[in-house]
C-alpha atoms as a PDB file:
ATOM      1  CA  MET A   1     148.748 100.081 112.939  1.00  0.00           C
ATOM      2  CA  SER A   2     145.260  99.162 111.752  1.00  0.00           C
ATOM      3  CA  PHE A   3     144.598  97.839 108.306  1.00  0.00           C
ATOM      4  CA  ALA A   4     141.577  96.471 106.508  1.00  0.00           C
ATOM      5  CA  VAL A   5     140.592  94.770 103.264  1.00  0.00           C
ATOM      6  CA  ILE A   6     137.801  96.515 101.407  1.00  0.00           C
ATOM      7  CA  LYS A   7     135.809  95.540  98.345  1.00  0.00           C
ATOM      8  CA  THR A   8     134.860  98.046  95.645  1.00  0.00           C
ATOM      9  CA  GLY A   9     134.342  97.865  91.925  1.00  0.00           C
ATOM     10  CA  GLY A  10     134.565  94.049  92.051  1.00  0.00           C
ATOM     11  CA  LYS A  11     138.117  94.150  93.411  1.00  0.00           C
ATOM     12  CA  GLN A  12     139.704  93.873  96.871  1.00  0.00           C
ATOM     13  CA  TYR A  13     142.202  96.342  98.314  1.00  0.00           C
ATOM     14  CA  LEU A  14     144.424  96.071 101.492  1.00  0.00           C
ATOM     15  CA  VAL A  15     144.389  99.574 102.959  1.00  0.00           C
ATOM     16  CA  LYS A  16     145.633 101.402 105.935  1.00  0.00           C
ATOM     17  CA  PRO A  17     145.257 105.124 106.964  1.00  0.00           C
ATOM     18  CA  GLY A  18     147.311 107.395 104.678  1.00  0.00           C
ATOM     19  CA  ASP A  19     147.304 105.000 101.692  1.00  0.00           C
ATOM     20  CA  LYS A  20     146.459 106.399  98.278  1.00  0.00           C
ATOM     21  CA  ILE A  21     144.644 103.949  95.918  1.00  0.00           C
ATOM     22  CA  GLU A  22     143.094 103.998  92.469  1.00  0.00           C
ATOM     23  CA  VAL A  23     139.653 102.371  92.355  1.00  0.00           C
ATOM     24  CA  GLU A  24     137.045 102.078  89.560  1.00  0.00           C
ATOM     25  CA  LYS A  25     135.024 105.247  89.168  1.00  0.00           C
ATOM     26  CA  ILE A  26     132.946 106.326  92.052  1.00  0.00           C
ATOM     27  CA  ASP A  27     130.359 109.090  91.554  1.00  0.00           C
ATOM     28  CA  ALA A  28     131.663 111.720  94.056  1.00  0.00           C
ATOM     29  CA  GLU A  29     133.115 115.109  93.628  1.00  0.00           C
ATOM     30  CA  GLU A  30     136.815 115.928  94.332  1.00  0.00           C
ATOM     31  CA  GLY A  31     137.431 116.742  97.994  1.00  0.00           C
ATOM     32  CA  LYS A  32     134.387 114.879  99.316  1.00  0.00           C
ATOM     33  CA  GLU A  33     134.571 112.127 101.801  1.00  0.00           C
ATOM     34  CA  ILE A  34     133.193 108.578 100.944  1.00  0.00           C
ATOM     35  CA  THR A  35     132.729 105.481 102.974  1.00  0.00           C
ATOM     36  CA  PHE A  36     133.399 101.963 101.985  1.00  0.00           C
ATOM     37  CA  PRO A  37     130.962  99.759 103.987  1.00  0.00           C
ATOM     38  CA  GLU A  38     132.106  96.446 102.516  1.00  0.00           C
ATOM     39  CA  VAL A  39     134.965  95.521 104.873  1.00  0.00           C
ATOM     40  CA  LEU A  40     136.116  91.897 104.467  1.00  0.00           C
ATOM     41  CA  LEU A  41     138.872  91.930 107.036  1.00  0.00           C
ATOM     42  CA  LEU A  42     139.739  94.301 109.912  1.00  0.00           C
ATOM     43  CA  ASN A  43     143.144  93.744 111.645  1.00  0.00           C
ATOM     44  CA  GLU A  44     142.727  90.199 112.859  1.00  0.00           C
ATOM     45  CA  THR A  45     138.929  89.941 112.498  1.00  0.00           C
ATOM     46  CA  ILE A  46     137.677  88.033 109.397  1.00  0.00           C
ATOM     47  CA  GLY A  47     134.212  88.788 108.255  1.00  0.00           C
ATOM     48  CA  THR A  48     131.633  86.251 107.265  1.00  0.00           C
ATOM     49  CA  PRO A  49     131.328  87.594 104.528  1.00  0.00           C
ATOM     50  CA  LEU A  50     131.556  91.201 105.990  1.00  0.00           C
ATOM     51  CA  VAL A  51     132.801  92.550 109.397  1.00  0.00           C
ATOM     52  CA  LYS A  52     129.733  93.979 111.141  1.00  0.00           C
ATOM     53  CA  GLY A  53     129.904  97.703 111.965  1.00  0.00           C
ATOM     54  CA  ALA A  54     133.173  98.244 110.195  1.00  0.00           C
ATOM     55  CA  LYS A  55     133.639 100.986 107.629  1.00  0.00           C
ATOM     56  CA  VAL A  56     136.594 102.681 105.966  1.00  0.00           C
ATOM     57  CA  ILE A  57     136.494 106.404 105.218  1.00  0.00           C
ATOM     58  CA  GLY A  58     138.262 107.917 102.231  1.00  0.00           C
ATOM     59  CA  LYS A  59     138.654 111.281 100.599  1.00  0.00           C
ATOM     60  CA  VAL A  60     138.417 111.597  96.819  1.00  0.00           C
ATOM     61  CA  LEU A  61     141.567 113.301  95.427  1.00  0.00           C
ATOM     62  CA  LYS A  62     140.742 113.385  91.709  1.00  0.00           C
ATOM     63  CA  GLN A  63     138.801 111.644  88.916  1.00  0.00           C
ATOM     64  CA  ALA A  64     141.041 110.441  86.015  1.00  0.00           C
ATOM     65  CA  LYS A  65     141.385 108.047  83.145  1.00  0.00           C
ATOM     66  CA  GLY A  66     143.734 105.067  83.064  1.00  0.00           C
ATOM     67  CA  GLU A  67     146.230 104.126  80.394  1.00  0.00           C
ATOM     68  CA  LYS A  68     144.923 103.357  76.899  1.00  0.00           C
ATOM     69  CA  LEU A  69     144.526  99.630  76.193  1.00  0.00           C
ATOM     70  CA  ILE A  70     144.391  98.206  72.653  1.00  0.00           C
ATOM     71  CA  ILE A  71     142.048  95.310  72.098  1.00  0.00           C
ATOM     72  CA  PHE A  72     142.900  93.529  68.828  1.00  0.00           C
ATOM     73  CA  LYS A  73     140.818  90.529  67.497  1.00  0.00           C
ATOM     74  CA  TYR A  74     141.917  88.489  64.678  1.00  0.00           C
ATOM     75  CA  LYS A  75     140.797  85.275  63.000  1.00  0.00           C
ATOM     76  CA  PRO A  76     143.294  83.720  60.560  1.00  0.00           C
ATOM     77  CA  LYS A  77     142.196  82.828  57.041  1.00  0.00           C
ATOM     78  CA  LYS A  78     138.815  84.504  57.585  1.00  0.00           C
ATOM     79  CA  ARG A  79     139.677  88.154  56.748  1.00  0.00           C
ATOM     80  CA  TYR A  80     138.431  89.217  60.173  1.00  0.00           C
ATOM     81  CA  LYS A  81     140.195  91.712  62.318  1.00  0.00           C
ATOM     82  CA  ARG A  82     138.929  94.354  64.729  1.00  0.00           C
ATOM     83  CA  LYS A  83     140.936  97.028  66.610  1.00  0.00           C
ATOM     84  CA  ILE A  84     139.359  98.760  69.725  1.00  0.00           C
ATOM     85  CA  GLY A  85     140.789 101.184  72.189  1.00  0.00           C
ATOM     86  CA  HIS A  86     139.690 101.542  75.882  1.00  0.00           C
ATOM     87  CA  ARG A  87     140.574 103.814  78.729  1.00  0.00           C
ATOM     88  CA  GLN A  88     139.117 102.944  82.215  1.00  0.00           C
ATOM     89  CA  LYS A  89     137.759 105.770  84.357  1.00  0.00           C
ATOM     90  CA  LEU A  90     139.364 105.790  87.780  1.00  0.00           C
ATOM     91  CA  THR A  91     138.994 107.573  91.051  1.00  0.00           C
ATOM     92  CA  HIS A  92     142.027 108.338  93.204  1.00  0.00           C
ATOM     93  CA  VAL A  93     141.202 108.027  96.931  1.00  0.00           C
ATOM     94  CA  GLU A  94     143.237 108.639 100.100  1.00  0.00           C
ATOM     95  CA  ILE A  95     142.231 106.540 103.058  1.00  0.00           C
ATOM     96  CA  VAL A  96     141.462 108.812 105.998  1.00  0.00           C
ATOM     97  CA  GLY A  97     140.369 106.360 108.699  1.00  0.00           C
ATOM     98  CA  ILE A  98     139.179 102.979 109.669  1.00  0.00           C
ATOM     99  CA  SER A  99     136.432 102.358 112.268  1.00  0.00           C
END
């Protein structure tokens, strides 16, 4: 079974064919195939920093938003408080192949 470590959106993911992962938003339509050229590890081969010629192919399942996060800033005795909400945009990807 082949596996790889890819880097996208400032994060690293351990993937193998058939895995479904959530990554930060990628500009691609649903159903389209995308490639991840930044492969840091492929089976037992460690890249320096990337594995040459390696790429991971994925299929975009859907574009979605993550859970709502509440950011609350507060400074005691200064009458300062600030409440902000945030929802991260995500892309759901199924890994099709590793080459």
